[in-house]
């Protein structure tokens, strides 16, 4: 069985909701966090996905959010 990864999406604008929807549907992927500095936009995606944490603080998203780090040179 493959290891589960934990991801976060930064930016919930044009492509954000598509990425969020797709990450939620991938087996072995846990969407933990959505981040957008626009509180209205974040509130919209939070209404669609209330089980996913939402945050307007980008620094929190990168620091201590417990997301899986994926090295760039690692192949999937």
PDB file of N, CA and C in Angstrom:
ATOM      1  N   UNK A   1       0.837  -1.180   0.000  1.00  0.00           N
ATOM      2  CA  UNK A   1       0.000   0.000   0.000  1.00  0.00           C
ATOM      3  C   UNK A   1       0.883   1.245   0.000  1.00  0.00           C
ATOM      4  N   UNK A   2       0.555   2.212  -0.831  1.00  0.00           N
ATOM      5  CA  UNK A   2       1.316   3.444  -0.933  1.00  0.00           C
ATOM      6  C   UNK A   2       1.092   4.315   0.295  1.00  0.00           C
ATOM      7  N   UNK A   3       2.086   5.094   0.611  1.00  0.00           N
ATOM      8  CA  UNK A   3       2.005   6.014   1.739  1.00  0.00           C
ATOM      9  C   UNK A   3       1.044   7.159   1.409  1.00  0.00           C
ATOM     10  N   UNK A   4       0.271   7.576   2.378  1.00  0.00           N
ATOM     11  CA  UNK A   4      -0.639   8.696   2.181  1.00  0.00           C
ATOM     12  C   UNK A   4       0.137  10.004   2.265  1.00  0.00           C
ATOM     13  N   UNK A   5      -0.204  10.948   1.385  1.00  0.00           N
ATOM     14  CA  UNK A   5       0.412  12.268   1.445  1.00  0.00           C
ATOM     15  C   UNK A   5      -0.636  13.273   1.936  1.00  0.00           C
ATOM     16  N   UNK A   6      -0.153  14.306   2.575  1.00  0.00           N
ATOM     17  CA  UNK A   6      -1.009  15.375   3.080  1.00  0.00           C
ATOM     18  C   UNK A   6      -0.649  16.644   2.328  1.00  0.00           C
ATOM     19  N   UNK A   7      -1.646  17.277   1.707  1.00  0.00           N
ATOM     20  CA  UNK A   7      -1.385  18.443   0.868  1.00  0.00           C
ATOM     21  C   UNK A   7      -2.201  19.645   1.329  1.00  0.00           C
ATOM     22  N   UNK A   8      -1.750  20.805   0.857  1.00  0.00           N
ATOM     23  CA  UNK A   8      -2.466  22.048   1.062  1.00  0.00           C
ATOM     24  C   UNK A   8      -2.496  22.813  -0.248  1.00  0.00           C
ATOM     25  N   UNK A   9      -3.539  23.583  -0.462  1.00  0.00           N
ATOM     26  CA  UNK A   9      -3.663  24.394  -1.670  1.00  0.00           C
ATOM     27  C   UNK A   9      -3.563  25.861  -1.276  1.00  0.00           C
ATOM     28  N   UNK A  10      -2.622  26.564  -1.897  1.00  0.00           N
ATOM     29  CA  UNK A  10      -2.464  28.001  -1.674  1.00  0.00           C
ATOM     30  C   UNK A  10      -3.031  28.714  -2.882  1.00  0.00           C
ATOM     31  N   UNK A  11      -4.020  29.547  -2.633  1.00  0.00           N
ATOM     32  CA  UNK A  11      -4.690  30.274  -3.703  1.00  0.00           C
ATOM     33  C   UNK A  11      -5.971  29.566  -4.102  1.00  0.00           C
ATOM     34  N   UNK A  12      -7.087  30.139  -3.757  1.00  0.00           N
ATOM     35  CA  UNK A  12      -8.391  29.515  -4.012  1.00  0.00           C
ATOM     36  C   UNK A  12      -9.170  30.282  -5.080  1.00  0.00           C
ATOM     37  N   UNK A  13      -8.445  30.930  -5.957  1.00  0.00           N
ATOM     38  CA  UNK A  13      -9.076  31.711  -7.017  1.00  0.00           C
ATOM     39  C   UNK A  13      -9.525  30.851  -8.178  1.00  0.00           C
ATOM     40  N   UNK A  14      -9.071  31.172  -9.369  1.00  0.00           N
ATOM     41  CA  UNK A  14      -9.551  30.546 -10.592  1.00  0.00           C
ATOM     42  C   UNK A  14      -9.342  29.030 -10.603  1.00  0.00           C
ATOM     43  N   UNK A  15      -8.107  28.567 -10.411  1.00  0.00           N
ATOM     44  CA  UNK A  15      -7.803  27.133 -10.459  1.00  0.00           C
ATOM     45  C   UNK A  15      -7.943  26.448  -9.107  1.00  0.00           C
ATOM     46  N   UNK A  16      -7.917  27.201  -8.024  1.00  0.00           N
ATOM     47  CA  UNK A  16      -7.947  26.628  -6.682  1.00  0.00           C
ATOM     48  C   UNK A  16      -9.062  25.622  -6.434  1.00  0.00           C
ATOM     49  N   UNK A  17     -10.327  25.957  -6.715  1.00  0.00           N
ATOM     50  CA  UNK A  17     -11.401  24.997  -6.478  1.00  0.00           C
ATOM     51  C   UNK A  17     -11.253  23.699  -7.279  1.00  0.00           C
ATOM     52  N   UNK A  18     -10.687  23.792  -8.493  1.00  0.00           N
ATOM     53  CA  UNK A  18     -10.450  22.578  -9.285  1.00  0.00           C
ATOM     54  C   UNK A  18      -9.384  21.706  -8.639  1.00  0.00           C
ATOM     55  N   UNK A  19      -8.307  22.335  -8.175  1.00  0.00           N
ATOM     56  CA  UNK A  19      -7.253  21.577  -7.499  1.00  0.00           C
ATOM     57  C   UNK A  19      -7.776  20.942  -6.213  1.00  0.00           C
ATOM     58  N   UNK A  20      -8.537  21.703  -5.460  1.00  0.00           N
ATOM     59  CA  UNK A  20      -9.102  21.200  -4.204  1.00  0.00           C
ATOM     60  C   UNK A  20      -9.991  19.987  -4.470  1.00  0.00           C
ATOM     61  N   UNK A  21     -10.881  20.114  -5.425  1.00  0.00           N
ATOM     62  CA  UNK A  21     -11.773  19.004  -5.773  1.00  0.00           C
ATOM     63  C   UNK A  21     -10.982  17.766  -6.188  1.00  0.00           C
ATOM     64  N   UNK A  22      -9.962  17.963  -7.024  1.00  0.00           N
ATOM     65  CA  UNK A  22      -9.178  16.832  -7.509  1.00  0.00           C
ATOM     66  C   UNK A  22      -8.333  16.194  -6.411  1.00  0.00           C
ATOM     67  N   UNK A  23      -7.693  16.990  -5.577  1.00  0.00           N
ATOM     68  CA  UNK A  23      -6.917  16.422  -4.475  1.00  0.00           C
ATOM     69  C   UNK A  23      -7.801  15.622  -3.535  1.00  0.00           C
ATOM     70  N   UNK A  24      -9.018  16.079  -3.294  1.00  0.00           N
ATOM     71  CA  UNK A  24      -9.935  15.358  -2.408  1.00  0.00           C
ATOM     72  C   UNK A  24     -10.334  14.007  -2.987  1.00  0.00           C
ATOM     73  N   UNK A  25     -10.291  13.861  -4.295  1.00  0.00           N
ATOM     74  CA  UNK A  25     -10.732  12.610  -4.918  1.00  0.00           C
ATOM     75  C   UNK A  25      -9.610  11.598  -5.130  1.00  0.00           C
ATOM     76  N   UNK A  26      -8.360  11.988  -4.903  1.00  0.00           N
ATOM     77  CA  UNK A  26      -7.226  11.095  -5.137  1.00  0.00           C
ATOM     78  C   UNK A  26      -7.049  10.152  -3.950  1.00  0.00           C
ATOM     79  N   UNK A  27      -7.023   8.850  -4.237  1.00  0.00           N
ATOM     80  CA  UNK A  27      -6.773   7.856  -3.202  1.00  0.00           C
ATOM     81  C   UNK A  27      -5.343   8.043  -2.699  1.00  0.00           C
ATOM     82  N   UNK A  28      -5.160   8.041  -1.389  1.00  0.00           N
ATOM     83  CA  UNK A  28      -3.828   8.210  -0.821  1.00  0.00           C
ATOM     84  C   UNK A  28      -3.426   9.651  -0.630  1.00  0.00           C
ATOM     85  N   UNK A  29      -4.368  10.559  -0.824  1.00  0.00           N
ATOM     86  CA  UNK A  29      -4.099  11.987  -0.671  1.00  0.00           C
ATOM     87  C   UNK A  29      -5.086  12.569   0.339  1.00  0.00           C
ATOM     88  N   UNK A  30      -4.560  13.276   1.316  1.00  0.00           N
ATOM     89  CA  UNK A  30      -5.400  13.946   2.311  1.00  0.00           C
ATOM     90  C   UNK A  30      -5.224  15.443   2.141  1.00  0.00           C
ATOM     91  N   UNK A  31      -6.290  16.143   1.774  1.00  0.00           N
ATOM     92  CA  UNK A  31      -6.247  17.591   1.667  1.00  0.00           C
ATOM     93  C   UNK A  31      -6.485  18.161   3.053  1.00  0.00           C
ATOM     94  N   UNK A  32      -5.456  18.771   3.622  1.00  0.00           N
ATOM     95  CA  UNK A  32      -5.533  19.270   4.987  1.00  0.00           C
ATOM     96  C   UNK A  32      -5.879  20.744   5.064  1.00  0.00           C
ATOM     97  N   UNK A  33      -5.426  21.530   4.101  1.00  0.00           N
ATOM     98  CA  UNK A  33      -5.468  22.975   4.262  1.00  0.00           C
ATOM     99  C   UNK A  33      -5.694  23.695   2.942  1.00  0.00           C
ATOM    100  N   UNK A  34      -6.527  24.735   2.999  1.00  0.00           N
ATOM    101  CA  UNK A  34      -6.716  25.647   1.873  1.00  0.00           C
ATOM    102  C   UNK A  34      -6.332  27.030   2.382  1.00  0.00           C
ATOM    103  N   UNK A  35      -5.599  27.785   1.582  1.00  0.00           N
ATOM    104  CA  UNK A  35      -5.145  29.102   2.004  1.00  0.00           C
ATOM    105  C   UNK A  35      -5.427  30.127   0.909  1.00  0.00           C
ATOM    106  N   UNK A  36      -5.982  31.256   1.324  1.00  0.00           N
ATOM    107  CA  UNK A  36      -6.165  32.381   0.415  1.00  0.00           C
ATOM    108  C   UNK A  36      -6.210  33.652   1.250  1.00  0.00           C
ATOM    109  N   UNK A  37      -5.548  34.702   0.798  1.00  0.00           N
ATOM    110  CA  UNK A  37      -5.548  35.957   1.553  1.00  0.00           C
ATOM    111  C   UNK A  37      -6.865  36.708   1.407  1.00  0.00           C
ATOM    112  N   UNK A  38      -7.661  36.326   0.418  1.00  0.00           N
ATOM    113  CA  UNK A  38      -8.977  36.930   0.219  1.00  0.00           C
ATOM    114  C   UNK A  38      -9.986  36.166   1.078  1.00  0.00           C
ATOM    115  N   UNK A  39     -10.429  36.777   2.163  1.00  0.00           N
ATOM    116  CA  UNK A  39     -11.323  36.092   3.100  1.00  0.00           C
ATOM    117  C   UNK A  39     -12.648  35.684   2.468  1.00  0.00           C
ATOM    118  N   UNK A  40     -13.154  36.483   1.534  1.00  0.00           N
ATOM    119  CA  UNK A  40     -14.412  36.152   0.865  1.00  0.00           C
ATOM    120  C   UNK A  40     -14.252  34.892   0.007  1.00  0.00           C
ATOM    121  N   UNK A  41     -13.146  34.823  -0.710  1.00  0.00           N
ATOM    122  CA  UNK A  41     -12.886  33.655  -1.561  1.00  0.00           C
ATOM    123  C   UNK A  41     -12.685  32.401  -0.707  1.00  0.00           C
ATOM    124  N   UNK A  42     -11.948  32.559   0.382  1.00  0.00           N
ATOM    125  CA  UNK A  42     -11.723  31.435   1.279  1.00  0.00           C
ATOM    126  C   UNK A  42     -13.036  30.954   1.897  1.00  0.00           C
ATOM    127  N   UNK A  43     -13.891  31.888   2.274  1.00  0.00           N
ATOM    128  CA  UNK A  43     -15.196  31.517   2.839  1.00  0.00           C
ATOM    129  C   UNK A  43     -16.014  30.717   1.828  1.00  0.00           C
ATOM    130  N   UNK A  44     -15.916  31.073   0.547  1.00  0.00           N
ATOM    131  CA  UNK A  44     -16.647  30.349  -0.493  1.00  0.00           C
ATOM    132  C   UNK A  44     -16.191  28.886  -0.577  1.00  0.00           C
ATOM    133  N   UNK A  45     -14.875  28.647  -0.663  1.00  0.00           N
ATOM    134  CA  UNK A  45     -14.412  27.263  -0.766  1.00  0.00           C
ATOM    135  C   UNK A  45     -14.613  26.514   0.550  1.00  0.00           C
ATOM    136  N   UNK A  46     -14.577  27.231   1.658  1.00  0.00           N
ATOM    137  CA  UNK A  46     -14.873  26.583   2.945  1.00  0.00           C
ATOM    138  C   UNK A  46     -16.326  26.107   2.985  1.00  0.00           C
ATOM    139  N   UNK A  47     -17.228  26.855   2.349  1.00  0.00           N
ATOM    140  CA  UNK A  47     -18.630  26.422   2.304  1.00  0.00           C
ATOM    141  C   UNK A  47     -18.792  25.167   1.439  1.00  0.00           C
ATOM    142  N   UNK A  48     -17.928  25.000   0.444  1.00  0.00           N
ATOM    143  CA  UNK A  48     -17.967  23.810  -0.408  1.00  0.00           C
ATOM    144  C   UNK A  48     -17.300  22.615   0.254  1.00  0.00           C
ATOM    145  N   UNK A  49     -16.252  22.863   1.038  1.00  0.00           N
ATOM    146  CA  UNK A  49     -15.451  21.803   1.660  1.00  0.00           C
ATOM    147  C   UNK A  49     -15.230  22.122   3.139  1.00  0.00           C
ATOM    148  N   UNK A  50     -16.278  22.047   3.955  1.00  0.00           N
ATOM    149  CA  UNK A  50     -16.160  22.457   5.368  1.00  0.00           C
ATOM    150  C   UNK A  50     -15.236  21.570   6.195  1.00  0.00           C
ATOM    151  N   UNK A  51     -14.942  20.380   5.712  1.00  0.00           N
ATOM    152  CA  UNK A  51     -14.067  19.476   6.463  1.00  0.00           C
ATOM    153  C   UNK A  51     -12.584  19.813   6.303  1.00  0.00           C
ATOM    154  N   UNK A  52     -12.256  20.714   5.375  1.00  0.00           N
ATOM    155  CA  UNK A  52     -10.869  21.098   5.124  1.00  0.00           C
ATOM    156  C   UNK A  52     -10.592  22.429   5.835  1.00  0.00           C
ATOM    157  N   UNK A  53      -9.475  22.463   6.555  1.00  0.00           N
ATOM    158  CA  UNK A  53      -9.091  23.681   7.271  1.00  0.00           C
ATOM    159  C   UNK A  53      -8.844  24.818   6.292  1.00  0.00           C
ATOM    160  N   UNK A  54      -9.279  26.009   6.636  1.00  0.00           N
ATOM    161  CA  UNK A  54      -9.044  27.193   5.826  1.00  0.00           C
ATOM    162  C   UNK A  54      -8.222  28.202   6.601  1.00  0.00           C
ATOM    163  N   UNK A  55      -7.348  28.914   5.894  1.00  0.00           N
ATOM    164  CA  UNK A  55      -6.466  29.855   6.561  1.00  0.00           C
ATOM    165  C   UNK A  55      -6.126  30.999   5.629  1.00  0.00           C
ATOM    166  N   UNK A  56      -6.038  32.215   6.179  1.00  0.00           N
ATOM    167  CA  UNK A  56      -5.619  33.369   5.391  1.00  0.00           C
ATOM    168  C   UNK A  56      -4.148  33.695   5.616  1.00  0.00           C
ATOM    169  N   UNK A  57      -3.505  32.998   6.536  1.00  0.00           N
ATOM    170  CA  UNK A  57      -2.114  33.250   6.893  1.00  0.00           C
ATOM    171  C   UNK A  57      -1.187  32.312   6.121  1.00  0.00           C
ATOM    172  N   UNK A  58      -0.576  32.839   5.071  1.00  0.00           N
ATOM    173  CA  UNK A  58       0.303  32.035   4.222  1.00  0.00           C
ATOM    174  C   UNK A  58       1.476  31.467   5.012  1.00  0.00           C
ATOM    175  N   UNK A  59       2.023  32.242   5.949  1.00  0.00           N
ATOM    176  CA  UNK A  59       3.156  31.761   6.744  1.00  0.00           C
ATOM    177  C   UNK A  59       2.771  30.525   7.549  1.00  0.00           C
ATOM    178  N   UNK A  60       1.558  30.486   8.084  1.00  0.00           N
ATOM    179  CA  UNK A  60       1.102  29.303   8.812  1.00  0.00           C
ATOM    180  C   UNK A  60       1.019  28.101   7.885  1.00  0.00           C
ATOM    181  N   UNK A  61       0.593  28.349   6.668  1.00  0.00           N
ATOM    182  CA  UNK A  61       0.456  27.260   5.699  1.00  0.00           C
ATOM    183  C   UNK A  61       1.804  26.589   5.454  1.00  0.00           C
ATOM    184  N   UNK A  62       2.860  27.383   5.416  1.00  0.00           N
ATOM    185  CA  UNK A  62       4.189  26.836   5.152  1.00  0.00           C
ATOM    186  C   UNK A  62       4.920  26.406   6.417  1.00  0.00           C
ATOM    187  N   UNK A  63       4.561  26.974   7.541  1.00  0.00           N
ATOM    188  CA  UNK A  63       5.295  26.729   8.779  1.00  0.00           C
ATOM    189  C   UNK A  63       4.419  25.994   9.775  1.00  0.00           C
ATOM    190  N   UNK A  64       4.643  24.717   9.919  1.00  0.00           N
ATOM    191  CA  UNK A  64       3.943  23.969  10.942  1.00  0.00           C
ATOM    192  C   UNK A  64       2.599  23.419  10.540  1.00  0.00           C
ATOM    193  N   UNK A  65       2.285  23.385   9.273  1.00  0.00           N
ATOM    194  CA  UNK A  65       0.996  22.863   8.850  1.00  0.00           C
ATOM    195  C   UNK A  65       1.002  21.342   8.710  1.00  0.00           C
ATOM    196  N   UNK A  66       2.159  20.719   8.887  1.00  0.00           N
ATOM    197  CA  UNK A  66       2.297  19.256   8.813  1.00  0.00           C
ATOM    198  C   UNK A  66       1.918  18.704   7.442  1.00  0.00           C
ATOM    199  N   UNK A  67       2.344  19.369   6.395  1.00  0.00           N
ATOM    200  CA  UNK A  67       2.108  18.889   5.045  1.00  0.00           C
ATOM    201  C   UNK A  67       3.256  17.991   4.632  1.00  0.00           C
ATOM    202  N   UNK A  68       3.006  17.084   3.704  1.00  0.00           N
ATOM    203  CA  UNK A  68       4.046  16.199   3.201  1.00  0.00           C
ATOM    204  C   UNK A  68       4.970  16.995   2.283  1.00  0.00           C
ATOM    205  N   UNK A  69       6.255  16.921   2.539  1.00  0.00           N
ATOM    206  CA  UNK A  69       7.222  17.597   1.685  1.00  0.00           C
ATOM    207  C   UNK A  69       7.628  16.643   0.582  1.00  0.00           C
ATOM    208  N   UNK A  70       7.575  17.110  -0.637  1.00  0.00           N
ATOM    209  CA  UNK A  70       7.874  16.265  -1.791  1.00  0.00           C
ATOM    210  C   UNK A  70       9.059  16.875  -2.524  1.00  0.00           C
ATOM    211  N   UNK A  71      10.222  16.230  -2.449  1.00  0.00           N
ATOM    212  CA  UNK A  71      11.397  16.784  -3.139  1.00  0.00           C
ATOM    213  C   UNK A  71      11.161  16.898  -4.636  1.00  0.00           C
ATOM    214  N   UNK A  72      11.649  17.974  -5.226  1.00  0.00           N
ATOM    215  CA  UNK A  72      11.444  18.200  -6.659  1.00  0.00           C
ATOM    216  C   UNK A  72      12.068  17.121  -7.516  1.00  0.00           C
ATOM    217  N   UNK A  73      13.182  16.555  -7.098  1.00  0.00           N
ATOM    218  CA  UNK A  73      13.865  15.582  -7.950  1.00  0.00           C
ATOM    219  C   UNK A  73      13.328  14.164  -7.775  1.00  0.00           C
ATOM    220  N   UNK A  74      12.317  13.986  -6.978  1.00  0.00           N
ATOM    221  CA  UNK A  74      11.755  12.648  -6.751  1.00  0.00           C
ATOM    222  C   UNK A  74      10.673  12.383  -7.785  1.00  0.00           C
ATOM    223  N   UNK A  75      10.758  11.259  -8.453  1.00  0.00           N
ATOM    224  CA  UNK A  75       9.731  10.919  -9.443  1.00  0.00           C
ATOM    225  C   UNK A  75       8.532  10.290  -8.738  1.00  0.00           C
ATOM    226  N   UNK A  76       7.367  10.445  -9.325  1.00  0.00           N
ATOM    227  CA  UNK A  76       6.151   9.883  -8.737  1.00  0.00           C
ATOM    228  C   UNK A  76       6.084   8.495  -9.200  1.00  0.00           C
TER     229      UNK A  76
END
